Amino acid sequence: MKTLLHVGCGRQSTEILPPFDFENEWREVRVDIDPSVEPDVIDDIATLSKIPDGSAAMVFSKHNIEHLESHVVPQCLASFYRVLGDRGFATIRTPDLEGICRRVIEHGPEKPLYRAKVYDEEHDVMALDMLFGASWEIAKGNRFMAHRTAFTKRTLFRKLREAGFEGVEIRTVPNGLELFAMAMKKVENNLFWEVTGRVQSMADVPE
């Protein structure tokens, strides 16, 4: 079975994962530094020291690289690259710094921008939450939720290429507040083309 490495998994449910066949073809391995979320592997996403080289077909990262210090991000992305097989790819979701800054200018930092359901609780989300971390979780003492850096399309693209990824594509999700990045270790014959049905073509470098 192919391994989907769910890094920084937290308490996120399997509903957020791609619609793969987890009965017969794929298995999810949950990795987190916080033992309280009961991951399969307790490890730091910056090093993934307990994950063997080339052992994953996909790295799934949803809203966790922004929790790292800026100088640690290159090490983290290099770790993503290391644990992937040559046909492997990573998907990364993270706040869009430019989009959030536009909302701050338009509406201020504390106006609720949308309502989100997080771990079976609903919360109003402000620009401050997207910049610095979910205030309601931090108020409970969960310091793992604090944000320590942020990315634009261009900075995330550059960091992924510098980490060694041959193919990188980044888009902004429809609400304009989040980046979705896809990074392939090798472009030729990558599993990404197989699971999505896309032809082998890459978008231009983001402006």
N, C-alpha and C. Protein backbone atom coordinates (compact mmCIF):
# COMPACT_ATOMS: atom_id res chain seq x y z
N MET A 1 0.84 -1.19 0.00
CA MET A 1 0.00 0.00 0.00
C MET A 1 0.87 1.24 0.00
N LYS A 2 0.39 2.28 -0.66
CA LYS A 2 1.12 3.55 -0.72
C LYS A 2 0.84 4.34 0.57
N THR A 3 1.85 5.01 1.07
CA THR A 3 1.74 5.75 2.33
C THR A 3 1.46 7.23 2.08
N LEU A 4 0.38 7.74 2.68
CA LEU A 4 0.11 9.17 2.76
C LEU A 4 0.57 9.60 4.15
N LEU A 5 1.62 10.41 4.20
CA LEU A 5 2.16 10.90 5.46
C LEU A 5 1.45 12.20 5.82
N HIS A 6 0.61 12.14 6.84
CA HIS A 6 -0.18 13.30 7.26
C HIS A 6 0.59 14.02 8.35
N VAL A 7 1.35 15.04 7.96
CA VAL A 7 2.26 15.72 8.90
C VAL A 7 1.54 16.85 9.62
N GLY A 8 1.88 17.02 10.91
CA GLY A 8 1.19 18.03 11.70
C GLY A 8 -0.31 17.78 11.73
N CYS A 9 -0.68 16.51 11.93
CA CYS A 9 -2.07 16.10 11.75
C CYS A 9 -3.02 16.70 12.76
N GLY A 10 -2.54 17.00 13.97
CA GLY A 10 -3.44 17.50 15.00
C GLY A 10 -4.60 16.53 15.21
N ARG A 11 -5.78 17.10 15.44
CA ARG A 11 -6.98 16.27 15.60
C ARG A 11 -7.84 16.29 14.33
N GLN A 12 -7.23 16.60 13.19
CA GLN A 12 -7.98 16.68 11.94
C GLN A 12 -8.51 15.30 11.55
N SER A 13 -9.75 15.28 11.07
CA SER A 13 -10.37 14.02 10.69
C SER A 13 -9.92 13.60 9.29
N THR A 14 -10.21 12.36 8.95
CA THR A 14 -9.84 11.83 7.63
C THR A 14 -10.65 12.51 6.52
N GLU A 15 -11.71 13.24 6.87
CA GLU A 15 -12.54 13.90 5.85
C GLU A 15 -11.77 14.95 5.06
N ILE A 16 -10.68 15.47 5.62
CA ILE A 16 -9.92 16.50 4.92
C ILE A 16 -8.94 15.90 3.92
N LEU A 17 -8.73 14.58 3.95
CA LEU A 17 -7.76 13.94 3.08
C LEU A 17 -8.31 13.79 1.67
N PRO A 18 -7.42 13.58 0.69
CA PRO A 18 -7.89 13.31 -0.68
C PRO A 18 -8.76 12.05 -0.70
N PRO A 19 -9.66 11.94 -1.67
CA PRO A 19 -10.56 10.78 -1.73
C PRO A 19 -9.89 9.54 -2.30
N PHE A 20 -8.83 9.10 -1.65
CA PHE A 20 -8.11 7.91 -2.09
C PHE A 20 -8.78 6.66 -1.54
N ASP A 21 -8.40 5.51 -2.06
CA ASP A 21 -8.90 4.22 -1.59
C ASP A 21 -8.05 3.78 -0.40
N PHE A 22 -8.48 4.17 0.81
CA PHE A 22 -7.73 3.83 2.02
C PHE A 22 -8.03 2.41 2.51
N GLU A 23 -8.89 1.72 1.81
CA GLU A 23 -9.17 0.32 2.13
C GLU A 23 -8.15 -0.60 1.47
N ASN A 24 -7.78 -0.28 0.23
CA ASN A 24 -6.99 -1.23 -0.56
C ASN A 24 -5.66 -0.70 -1.09
N GLU A 25 -5.56 0.65 -1.32
CA GLU A 25 -4.39 1.17 -2.02
C GLU A 25 -3.51 2.10 -1.17
N TRP A 26 -4.11 2.80 -0.24
CA TRP A 26 -3.39 3.81 0.53
C TRP A 26 -3.55 3.55 2.02
N ARG A 27 -2.56 4.02 2.78
CA ARG A 27 -2.69 4.05 4.24
C ARG A 27 -2.23 5.42 4.73
N GLU A 28 -2.92 5.94 5.73
CA GLU A 28 -2.56 7.22 6.34
C GLU A 28 -1.67 6.97 7.55
N VAL A 29 -0.55 7.67 7.61
CA VAL A 29 0.32 7.67 8.78
C VAL A 29 0.32 9.08 9.36
N ARG A 30 -0.21 9.22 10.56
CA ARG A 30 -0.38 10.53 11.19
C ARG A 30 0.86 10.87 12.02
N VAL A 31 1.40 12.07 11.77
CA VAL A 31 2.62 12.52 12.46
C VAL A 31 2.35 13.86 13.13
N ASP A 32 2.69 13.96 14.41
CA ASP A 32 2.53 15.23 15.12
C ASP A 32 3.49 15.26 16.31
N ILE A 33 3.88 16.47 16.69
CA ILE A 33 4.78 16.64 17.83
C ILE A 33 4.04 16.59 19.16
N ASP A 34 2.70 16.73 19.10
CA ASP A 34 1.86 16.80 20.29
C ASP A 34 1.30 15.42 20.61
N PRO A 35 1.75 14.77 21.69
CA PRO A 35 1.25 13.43 22.00
C PRO A 35 -0.24 13.39 22.29
N SER A 36 -0.83 14.50 22.72
CA SER A 36 -2.24 14.52 23.11
C SER A 36 -3.18 14.26 21.95
N VAL A 37 -2.71 14.46 20.70
CA VAL A 37 -3.59 14.21 19.55
C VAL A 37 -3.48 12.76 19.06
N GLU A 38 -2.68 11.95 19.78
CA GLU A 38 -2.54 10.52 19.53
C GLU A 38 -2.15 10.19 18.08
N PRO A 39 -1.03 10.76 17.63
CA PRO A 39 -0.57 10.44 16.26
C PRO A 39 0.00 9.03 16.20
N ASP A 40 0.17 8.52 14.99
CA ASP A 40 0.86 7.24 14.82
C ASP A 40 2.34 7.36 15.15
N VAL A 41 2.90 8.54 14.81
CA VAL A 41 4.32 8.81 15.06
C VAL A 41 4.44 10.17 15.73
N ILE A 42 5.08 10.23 16.89
CA ILE A 42 5.35 11.50 17.55
C ILE A 42 6.68 12.01 17.02
N ASP A 43 6.63 13.11 16.27
CA ASP A 43 7.85 13.60 15.63
C ASP A 43 7.66 15.07 15.26
N ASP A 44 8.76 15.76 15.08
CA ASP A 44 8.77 17.16 14.67
C ASP A 44 8.72 17.19 13.14
N ILE A 45 7.77 17.94 12.57
CA ILE A 45 7.67 17.99 11.11
C ILE A 45 8.90 18.64 10.48
N ALA A 46 9.65 19.39 11.26
CA ALA A 46 10.85 20.05 10.71
C ALA A 46 11.93 19.04 10.37
N THR A 47 11.95 17.90 11.07
CA THR A 47 13.00 16.91 10.83
C THR A 47 12.46 15.57 10.32
N LEU A 48 11.24 15.20 10.75
CA LEU A 48 10.68 13.88 10.43
C LEU A 48 11.74 12.80 10.65
N SER A 49 12.41 12.90 11.79
CA SER A 49 13.57 12.05 12.07
C SER A 49 13.23 10.57 12.18
N LYS A 50 11.95 10.26 12.44
CA LYS A 50 11.55 8.86 12.59
C LYS A 50 10.99 8.26 11.29
N ILE A 51 10.97 9.06 10.23
CA ILE A 51 10.40 8.61 8.95
C ILE A 51 11.54 8.27 8.00
N PRO A 52 11.57 7.04 7.46
CA PRO A 52 12.66 6.63 6.57
C PRO A 52 12.66 7.40 5.25
N ASP A 53 13.82 7.56 4.66
CA ASP A 53 13.97 8.18 3.35
C ASP A 53 13.12 7.44 2.31
N GLY A 54 12.45 8.21 1.45
CA GLY A 54 11.75 7.64 0.31
C GLY A 54 10.59 6.72 0.65
N SER A 55 10.06 6.82 1.86
CA SER A 55 9.04 5.85 2.29
C SER A 55 7.61 6.30 2.01
N ALA A 56 7.41 7.56 1.64
CA ALA A 56 6.05 8.08 1.45
C ALA A 56 5.76 8.34 -0.03
N ALA A 57 4.53 8.06 -0.41
CA ALA A 57 4.09 8.41 -1.77
C ALA A 57 3.53 9.83 -1.80
N MET A 58 3.02 10.30 -0.66
CA MET A 58 2.47 11.65 -0.58
C MET A 58 2.70 12.20 0.81
N VAL A 59 3.02 13.48 0.89
CA VAL A 59 3.05 14.22 2.15
C VAL A 59 1.87 15.19 2.12
N PHE A 60 1.03 15.09 3.13
CA PHE A 60 -0.15 15.95 3.23
C PHE A 60 0.05 16.90 4.41
N SER A 61 0.12 18.20 4.11
CA SER A 61 0.41 19.22 5.13
C SER A 61 -0.67 20.29 5.07
N LYS A 62 -1.52 20.32 6.08
CA LYS A 62 -2.62 21.30 6.10
C LYS A 62 -2.46 22.21 7.32
N HIS A 63 -2.09 23.45 7.04
CA HIS A 63 -1.97 24.50 8.05
C HIS A 63 -1.07 24.09 9.21
N ASN A 64 0.19 23.81 8.87
CA ASN A 64 1.17 23.57 9.94
C ASN A 64 2.54 24.18 9.70
N ILE A 65 2.94 24.40 8.43
CA ILE A 65 4.29 24.97 8.23
C ILE A 65 4.39 26.40 8.75
N GLU A 66 3.24 27.07 8.87
CA GLU A 66 3.24 28.43 9.42
C GLU A 66 3.50 28.44 10.92
N HIS A 67 3.47 27.28 11.57
CA HIS A 67 3.75 27.20 13.00
C HIS A 67 5.25 27.15 13.30
N LEU A 68 6.06 27.03 12.25
CA LEU A 68 7.51 26.95 12.42
C LEU A 68 8.14 28.33 12.40
N GLU A 69 9.29 28.45 13.03
CA GLU A 69 10.09 29.67 12.86
C GLU A 69 10.55 29.76 11.40
N SER A 70 10.67 30.97 10.88
CA SER A 70 11.00 31.16 9.47
C SER A 70 12.28 30.43 9.08
N HIS A 71 13.29 30.47 9.94
CA HIS A 71 14.57 29.87 9.58
C HIS A 71 14.52 28.34 9.59
N VAL A 72 13.45 27.77 10.15
CA VAL A 72 13.30 26.31 10.20
C VAL A 72 12.58 25.77 8.97
N VAL A 73 11.86 26.63 8.26
CA VAL A 73 11.05 26.19 7.12
C VAL A 73 11.88 25.46 6.06
N PRO A 74 13.05 25.96 5.65
CA PRO A 74 13.84 25.21 4.65
C PRO A 74 14.16 23.79 5.10
N GLN A 75 14.48 23.60 6.37
CA GLN A 75 14.76 22.26 6.88
C GLN A 75 13.51 21.38 6.79
N CYS A 76 12.36 21.94 7.12
CA CYS A 76 11.10 21.20 7.06
C CYS A 76 10.79 20.76 5.63
N LEU A 77 10.89 21.67 4.68
CA LEU A 77 10.58 21.33 3.29
C LEU A 77 11.59 20.33 2.73
N ALA A 78 12.84 20.44 3.16
CA ALA A 78 13.84 19.44 2.76
C ALA A 78 13.51 18.07 3.34
N SER A 79 12.92 18.04 4.53
CA SER A 79 12.50 16.78 5.13
C SER A 79 11.33 16.17 4.35
N PHE A 80 10.39 17.03 3.92
CA PHE A 80 9.30 16.54 3.07
C PHE A 80 9.89 15.87 1.82
N TYR A 81 10.85 16.55 1.21
CA TYR A 81 11.50 16.03 0.00
C TYR A 81 12.18 14.69 0.28
N ARG A 82 12.88 14.61 1.39
CA ARG A 82 13.65 13.41 1.73
C ARG A 82 12.77 12.17 1.90
N VAL A 83 11.63 12.32 2.56
CA VAL A 83 10.82 11.15 2.90
C VAL A 83 9.98 10.67 1.71
N LEU A 84 9.89 11.47 0.64
CA LEU A 84 9.13 11.07 -0.53
C LEU A 84 9.95 10.17 -1.45
N GLY A 85 9.28 9.19 -2.07
CA GLY A 85 9.89 8.44 -3.13
C GLY A 85 9.97 9.30 -4.38
N ASP A 86 10.69 8.83 -5.40
CA ASP A 86 10.89 9.63 -6.61
C ASP A 86 9.58 9.96 -7.32
N ARG A 87 8.56 9.10 -7.17
CA ARG A 87 7.26 9.37 -7.78
C ARG A 87 6.33 10.13 -6.83
N GLY A 88 6.84 10.51 -5.67
CA GLY A 88 6.00 11.12 -4.64
C GLY A 88 5.78 12.61 -4.83
N PHE A 89 4.75 13.10 -4.14
CA PHE A 89 4.43 14.53 -4.20
C PHE A 89 3.89 14.98 -2.85
N ALA A 90 3.92 16.28 -2.64
CA ALA A 90 3.41 16.88 -1.41
C ALA A 90 2.33 17.90 -1.75
N THR A 91 1.32 17.99 -0.90
CA THR A 91 0.37 19.10 -0.99
C THR A 91 0.44 19.87 0.32
N ILE A 92 0.44 21.18 0.20
CA ILE A 92 0.62 22.05 1.37
C ILE A 92 -0.42 23.16 1.32
N ARG A 93 -1.14 23.31 2.42
CA ARG A 93 -2.07 24.42 2.56
C ARG A 93 -1.60 25.31 3.71
N THR A 94 -1.60 26.62 3.47
CA THR A 94 -1.09 27.56 4.46
C THR A 94 -1.73 28.92 4.20
N PRO A 95 -1.85 29.79 5.21
CA PRO A 95 -2.45 31.11 4.98
C PRO A 95 -1.70 31.91 3.91
N ASP A 96 -2.46 32.69 3.15
CA ASP A 96 -1.90 33.55 2.11
C ASP A 96 -1.66 34.93 2.71
N LEU A 97 -0.41 35.26 2.95
CA LEU A 97 -0.07 36.51 3.63
C LEU A 97 -0.59 37.74 2.88
N GLU A 98 -0.45 37.73 1.54
CA GLU A 98 -0.92 38.89 0.78
C GLU A 98 -2.42 39.06 0.88
N GLY A 99 -3.17 37.97 0.76
CA GLY A 99 -4.62 38.05 0.86
C GLY A 99 -5.08 38.53 2.22
N ILE A 100 -4.43 38.04 3.27
CA ILE A 100 -4.81 38.45 4.63
C ILE A 100 -4.50 39.92 4.85
N CYS A 101 -3.35 40.38 4.36
CA CYS A 101 -3.00 41.80 4.51
C CYS A 101 -4.00 42.70 3.80
N ARG A 102 -4.49 42.25 2.64
CA ARG A 102 -5.53 43.04 1.95
C ARG A 102 -6.79 43.15 2.81
N ARG A 103 -7.16 42.06 3.47
CA ARG A 103 -8.35 42.09 4.33
C ARG A 103 -8.13 42.99 5.55
N VAL A 104 -6.92 43.00 6.08
CA VAL A 104 -6.61 43.89 7.21
C VAL A 104 -6.78 45.34 6.80
N ILE A 105 -6.27 45.69 5.60
CA ILE A 105 -6.39 47.06 5.11
C ILE A 105 -7.84 47.43 4.88
N GLU A 106 -8.62 46.48 4.35
CA GLU A 106 -10.02 46.76 4.04
C GLU A 106 -10.93 46.77 5.26
N HIS A 107 -10.70 45.85 6.20
CA HIS A 107 -11.66 45.65 7.29
C HIS A 107 -11.07 45.78 8.69
N GLY A 108 -9.76 45.91 8.81
CA GLY A 108 -9.14 45.91 10.11
C GLY A 108 -8.78 44.50 10.56
N PRO A 109 -7.95 44.38 11.58
CA PRO A 109 -7.44 43.06 11.97
C PRO A 109 -8.40 42.21 12.79
N GLU A 110 -9.43 42.82 13.40
CA GLU A 110 -10.25 42.08 14.36
C GLU A 110 -11.67 41.81 13.88
N LYS A 111 -12.03 42.24 12.68
CA LYS A 111 -13.37 41.96 12.18
C LYS A 111 -13.46 40.48 11.78
N PRO A 112 -14.50 39.76 12.25
CA PRO A 112 -14.66 38.36 11.81
C PRO A 112 -14.85 38.30 10.29
N LEU A 113 -14.06 37.47 9.64
CA LEU A 113 -14.10 37.36 8.18
C LEU A 113 -14.93 36.16 7.72
N TYR A 114 -14.97 35.12 8.53
CA TYR A 114 -15.81 33.97 8.24
C TYR A 114 -15.94 33.15 9.52
N ARG A 115 -16.85 32.19 9.48
CA ARG A 115 -17.06 31.30 10.63
C ARG A 115 -16.59 29.91 10.23
N ALA A 116 -15.80 29.30 11.11
CA ALA A 116 -15.21 28.00 10.81
C ALA A 116 -15.57 26.99 11.89
N LYS A 117 -15.75 25.75 11.44
CA LYS A 117 -15.95 24.65 12.38
C LYS A 117 -14.61 23.95 12.57
N VAL A 118 -14.10 24.01 13.79
CA VAL A 118 -12.80 23.43 14.10
C VAL A 118 -12.95 22.47 15.27
N TYR A 119 -12.66 21.20 15.02
CA TYR A 119 -12.76 20.19 16.07
C TYR A 119 -14.13 20.23 16.74
N ASP A 120 -15.19 20.26 15.93
CA ASP A 120 -16.59 20.22 16.40
C ASP A 120 -17.02 21.49 17.13
N GLU A 121 -16.23 22.53 17.07
CA GLU A 121 -16.61 23.83 17.63
C GLU A 121 -16.63 24.86 16.52
N GLU A 122 -17.56 25.81 16.59
CA GLU A 122 -17.62 26.89 15.60
C GLU A 122 -17.03 28.16 16.19
N HIS A 123 -16.22 28.84 15.37
CA HIS A 123 -15.57 30.07 15.82
C HIS A 123 -15.55 31.09 14.70
N ASP A 124 -15.68 32.38 15.08
CA ASP A 124 -15.44 33.47 14.14
C ASP A 124 -13.93 33.59 13.95
N VAL A 125 -13.51 33.73 12.71
CA VAL A 125 -12.08 33.80 12.40
C VAL A 125 -11.74 35.22 11.94
N MET A 126 -10.81 35.85 12.64
CA MET A 126 -10.34 37.19 12.30
C MET A 126 -9.04 37.09 11.50
N ALA A 127 -8.65 38.19 10.89
CA ALA A 127 -7.34 38.23 10.23
C ALA A 127 -6.23 37.94 11.23
N LEU A 128 -6.39 38.40 12.48
CA LEU A 128 -5.39 38.13 13.51
C LEU A 128 -5.21 36.63 13.74
N ASP A 129 -6.30 35.87 13.67
CA ASP A 129 -6.20 34.42 13.85
C ASP A 129 -5.40 33.78 12.73
N MET A 130 -5.59 34.29 11.51
CA MET A 130 -4.87 33.72 10.38
C MET A 130 -3.39 34.11 10.40
N LEU A 131 -3.10 35.27 10.95
CA LEU A 131 -1.71 35.71 11.02
C LEU A 131 -0.95 35.08 12.17
N PHE A 132 -1.60 34.97 13.34
CA PHE A 132 -0.87 34.59 14.55
C PHE A 132 -1.33 33.29 15.19
N GLY A 133 -2.36 32.66 14.63
CA GLY A 133 -2.83 31.39 15.16
C GLY A 133 -4.19 31.52 15.79
N ALA A 134 -4.90 30.40 15.87
CA ALA A 134 -6.27 30.38 16.38
C ALA A 134 -6.30 30.86 17.83
N SER A 135 -6.86 32.04 18.04
CA SER A 135 -6.82 32.67 19.36
C SER A 135 -7.52 31.84 20.42
N TRP A 136 -8.61 31.14 20.03
CA TRP A 136 -9.36 30.35 21.01
C TRP A 136 -8.56 29.13 21.48
N GLU A 137 -7.72 28.56 20.61
CA GLU A 137 -6.89 27.44 21.02
C GLU A 137 -5.71 27.91 21.87
N ILE A 138 -5.11 29.03 21.48
CA ILE A 138 -3.99 29.56 22.25
C ILE A 138 -4.45 29.97 23.64
N ALA A 139 -5.68 30.51 23.74
CA ALA A 139 -6.24 30.91 25.04
C ALA A 139 -6.40 29.71 25.98
N LYS A 140 -6.56 28.53 25.40
CA LYS A 140 -6.68 27.31 26.21
C LYS A 140 -5.32 26.78 26.66
N GLY A 141 -4.24 27.45 26.20
CA GLY A 141 -2.90 27.01 26.56
C GLY A 141 -2.22 26.16 25.51
N ASN A 142 -2.85 26.00 24.34
CA ASN A 142 -2.26 25.18 23.28
C ASN A 142 -1.29 26.03 22.46
N ARG A 143 -0.05 26.11 22.93
CA ARG A 143 0.95 26.95 22.28
C ARG A 143 1.40 26.38 20.93
N PHE A 144 1.11 25.11 20.68
CA PHE A 144 1.45 24.53 19.38
C PHE A 144 0.70 25.24 18.24
N MET A 145 -0.41 25.92 18.57
CA MET A 145 -1.24 26.55 17.55
C MET A 145 -0.76 27.94 17.14
N ALA A 146 0.25 28.48 17.80
CA ALA A 146 0.75 29.81 17.45
C ALA A 146 1.45 29.79 16.09
N HIS A 147 1.24 30.84 15.30
CA HIS A 147 1.91 30.98 14.01
C HIS A 147 3.19 31.79 14.19
N ARG A 148 4.24 31.39 13.48
CA ARG A 148 5.53 32.06 13.63
C ARG A 148 6.11 32.57 12.30
N THR A 149 5.43 32.27 11.20
CA THR A 149 5.86 32.80 9.90
C THR A 149 4.67 32.78 8.95
N ALA A 150 4.87 33.29 7.73
CA ALA A 150 3.80 33.32 6.73
C ALA A 150 4.42 33.37 5.35
N PHE A 151 3.58 33.10 4.33
CA PHE A 151 4.08 32.93 2.97
C PHE A 151 3.21 33.66 1.95
N THR A 152 3.86 34.07 0.88
CA THR A 152 3.16 34.51 -0.33
C THR A 152 3.36 33.43 -1.39
N LYS A 153 2.69 33.56 -2.53
CA LYS A 153 2.89 32.60 -3.61
C LYS A 153 4.36 32.50 -3.98
N ARG A 154 5.00 33.65 -4.13
CA ARG A 154 6.38 33.65 -4.61
C ARG A 154 7.34 33.08 -3.57
N THR A 155 7.16 33.42 -2.29
CA THR A 155 8.11 32.93 -1.29
C THR A 155 7.97 31.43 -1.09
N LEU A 156 6.73 30.92 -1.10
CA LEU A 156 6.54 29.49 -0.92
C LEU A 156 7.06 28.71 -2.14
N PHE A 157 6.82 29.26 -3.34
CA PHE A 157 7.34 28.63 -4.56
C PHE A 157 8.86 28.53 -4.49
N ARG A 158 9.50 29.63 -4.13
CA ARG A 158 10.97 29.65 -4.09
C ARG A 158 11.51 28.66 -3.06
N LYS A 159 10.89 28.61 -1.89
CA LYS A 159 11.38 27.72 -0.85
C LYS A 159 11.22 26.24 -1.24
N LEU A 160 10.15 25.91 -1.92
CA LEU A 160 9.96 24.53 -2.36
C LEU A 160 10.97 24.14 -3.43
N ARG A 161 11.24 25.06 -4.36
CA ARG A 161 12.24 24.76 -5.38
C ARG A 161 13.63 24.62 -4.75
N GLU A 162 13.93 25.48 -3.79
CA GLU A 162 15.23 25.41 -3.12
C GLU A 162 15.38 24.11 -2.32
N ALA A 163 14.24 23.55 -1.89
CA ALA A 163 14.28 22.29 -1.14
C ALA A 163 14.54 21.10 -2.06
N GLY A 164 14.48 21.33 -3.39
CA GLY A 164 14.79 20.27 -4.34
C GLY A 164 13.64 19.81 -5.20
N PHE A 165 12.42 20.25 -4.92
CA PHE A 165 11.26 19.79 -5.69
C PHE A 165 11.37 20.25 -7.14
N GLU A 166 11.22 19.30 -8.04
CA GLU A 166 11.38 19.59 -9.47
C GLU A 166 10.17 20.30 -10.05
N GLY A 167 8.98 19.91 -9.60
CA GLY A 167 7.75 20.54 -10.08
C GLY A 167 6.99 21.18 -8.94
N VAL A 168 6.66 22.46 -9.09
CA VAL A 168 5.93 23.18 -8.04
C VAL A 168 4.83 24.00 -8.69
N GLU A 169 3.65 23.92 -8.12
CA GLU A 169 2.51 24.69 -8.61
C GLU A 169 1.77 25.25 -7.41
N ILE A 170 1.46 26.53 -7.42
CA ILE A 170 0.79 27.16 -6.28
C ILE A 170 -0.38 27.99 -6.77
N ARG A 171 -1.50 27.83 -6.10
CA ARG A 171 -2.66 28.65 -6.43
C ARG A 171 -3.27 29.20 -5.14
N THR A 172 -4.07 30.24 -5.30
CA THR A 172 -4.82 30.80 -4.18
C THR A 172 -6.22 30.20 -4.19
N VAL A 173 -6.71 29.76 -3.04
CA VAL A 173 -8.05 29.18 -2.99
C VAL A 173 -9.08 30.30 -3.17
N PRO A 174 -10.33 29.96 -3.50
CA PRO A 174 -11.31 30.99 -3.86
C PRO A 174 -11.53 32.11 -2.86
N ASN A 175 -11.41 31.84 -1.56
CA ASN A 175 -11.64 32.93 -0.60
C ASN A 175 -10.48 33.93 -0.54
N GLY A 176 -9.37 33.63 -1.23
CA GLY A 176 -8.24 34.56 -1.29
C GLY A 176 -7.42 34.63 -0.02
N LEU A 177 -7.64 33.71 0.91
CA LEU A 177 -6.96 33.78 2.20
C LEU A 177 -6.01 32.61 2.44
N GLU A 178 -5.92 31.72 1.49
CA GLU A 178 -5.15 30.50 1.69
C GLU A 178 -4.42 30.11 0.41
N LEU A 179 -3.22 29.57 0.57
CA LEU A 179 -2.44 29.05 -0.55
C LEU A 179 -2.55 27.53 -0.57
N PHE A 180 -2.61 26.99 -1.78
CA PHE A 180 -2.56 25.54 -1.97
C PHE A 180 -1.38 25.25 -2.88
N ALA A 181 -0.41 24.52 -2.36
CA ALA A 181 0.80 24.20 -3.12
C ALA A 181 0.86 22.71 -3.40
N MET A 182 1.29 22.38 -4.60
CA MET A 182 1.56 21.01 -4.98
C MET A 182 3.02 20.95 -5.42
N ALA A 183 3.78 20.03 -4.82
CA ALA A 183 5.22 19.94 -5.12
C ALA A 183 5.58 18.50 -5.42
N MET A 184 6.15 18.26 -6.60
CA MET A 184 6.54 16.92 -7.03
C MET A 184 8.04 16.74 -6.91
N LYS A 185 8.45 15.62 -6.33
CA LYS A 185 9.89 15.36 -6.22
C LYS A 185 10.50 15.26 -7.62
N LYS A 186 9.89 14.48 -8.50
CA LYS A 186 10.25 14.41 -9.91
C LYS A 186 8.98 14.58 -10.73
N VAL A 187 9.04 15.34 -11.80
CA VAL A 187 7.84 15.58 -12.60
C VAL A 187 7.46 14.37 -13.44
N GLU A 188 8.44 13.75 -14.08
CA GLU A 188 8.17 12.63 -14.97
C GLU A 188 7.62 11.43 -14.20
N ASN A 189 6.49 10.91 -14.67
CA ASN A 189 5.89 9.70 -14.13
C ASN A 189 5.49 9.85 -12.66
N ASN A 190 5.16 11.08 -12.24
CA ASN A 190 4.78 11.29 -10.85
C ASN A 190 3.38 10.75 -10.57
N LEU A 191 3.18 10.28 -9.35
CA LEU A 191 1.87 9.76 -8.96
C LEU A 191 0.78 10.81 -9.04
N PHE A 192 1.16 12.07 -8.91
CA PHE A 192 0.18 13.15 -8.97
C PHE A 192 -0.63 13.09 -10.26
N TRP A 193 0.06 12.82 -11.37
CA TRP A 193 -0.66 12.76 -12.65
C TRP A 193 -1.64 11.60 -12.65
N GLU A 194 -1.24 10.50 -12.03
CA GLU A 194 -2.08 9.30 -11.99
C GLU A 194 -3.33 9.52 -11.15
N VAL A 195 -3.17 10.11 -9.96
CA VAL A 195 -4.32 10.22 -9.05
C VAL A 195 -5.26 11.35 -9.44
N THR A 196 -4.78 12.33 -10.20
CA THR A 196 -5.63 13.45 -10.60
C THR A 196 -6.14 13.34 -12.03
N GLY A 197 -5.49 12.52 -12.85
CA GLY A 197 -5.87 12.40 -14.25
C GLY A 197 -5.41 13.57 -15.10
N ARG A 198 -4.55 14.43 -14.55
CA ARG A 198 -4.05 15.58 -15.30
C ARG A 198 -2.92 15.17 -16.24
N VAL A 199 -2.77 15.93 -17.31
CA VAL A 199 -1.63 15.72 -18.20
C VAL A 199 -0.41 16.36 -17.56
N GLN A 200 0.77 15.95 -18.00
CA GLN A 200 1.99 16.45 -17.40
C GLN A 200 2.33 17.84 -17.89
N SER A 201 1.73 18.84 -17.26
CA SER A 201 2.03 20.24 -17.56
C SER A 201 1.97 21.03 -16.28
N MET A 202 2.86 22.02 -16.17
CA MET A 202 2.96 22.81 -14.95
C MET A 202 2.57 24.26 -15.22
N ALA A 203 2.02 24.91 -14.20
CA ALA A 203 1.69 26.33 -14.30
C ALA A 203 2.97 27.15 -14.26
N ASP A 204 2.88 28.40 -14.69
CA ASP A 204 4.02 29.30 -14.68
C ASP A 204 4.41 29.65 -13.25
N VAL A 205 5.60 30.18 -13.10
CA VAL A 205 6.05 30.71 -11.81
C VAL A 205 5.08 31.82 -11.39
N PRO A 206 4.60 31.82 -10.12
CA PRO A 206 3.64 32.85 -9.71
C PRO A 206 4.22 34.24 -9.78
N GLU A 207 3.36 35.20 -10.11
CA GLU A 207 3.79 36.59 -10.19
C GLU A 207 3.93 37.18 -8.79
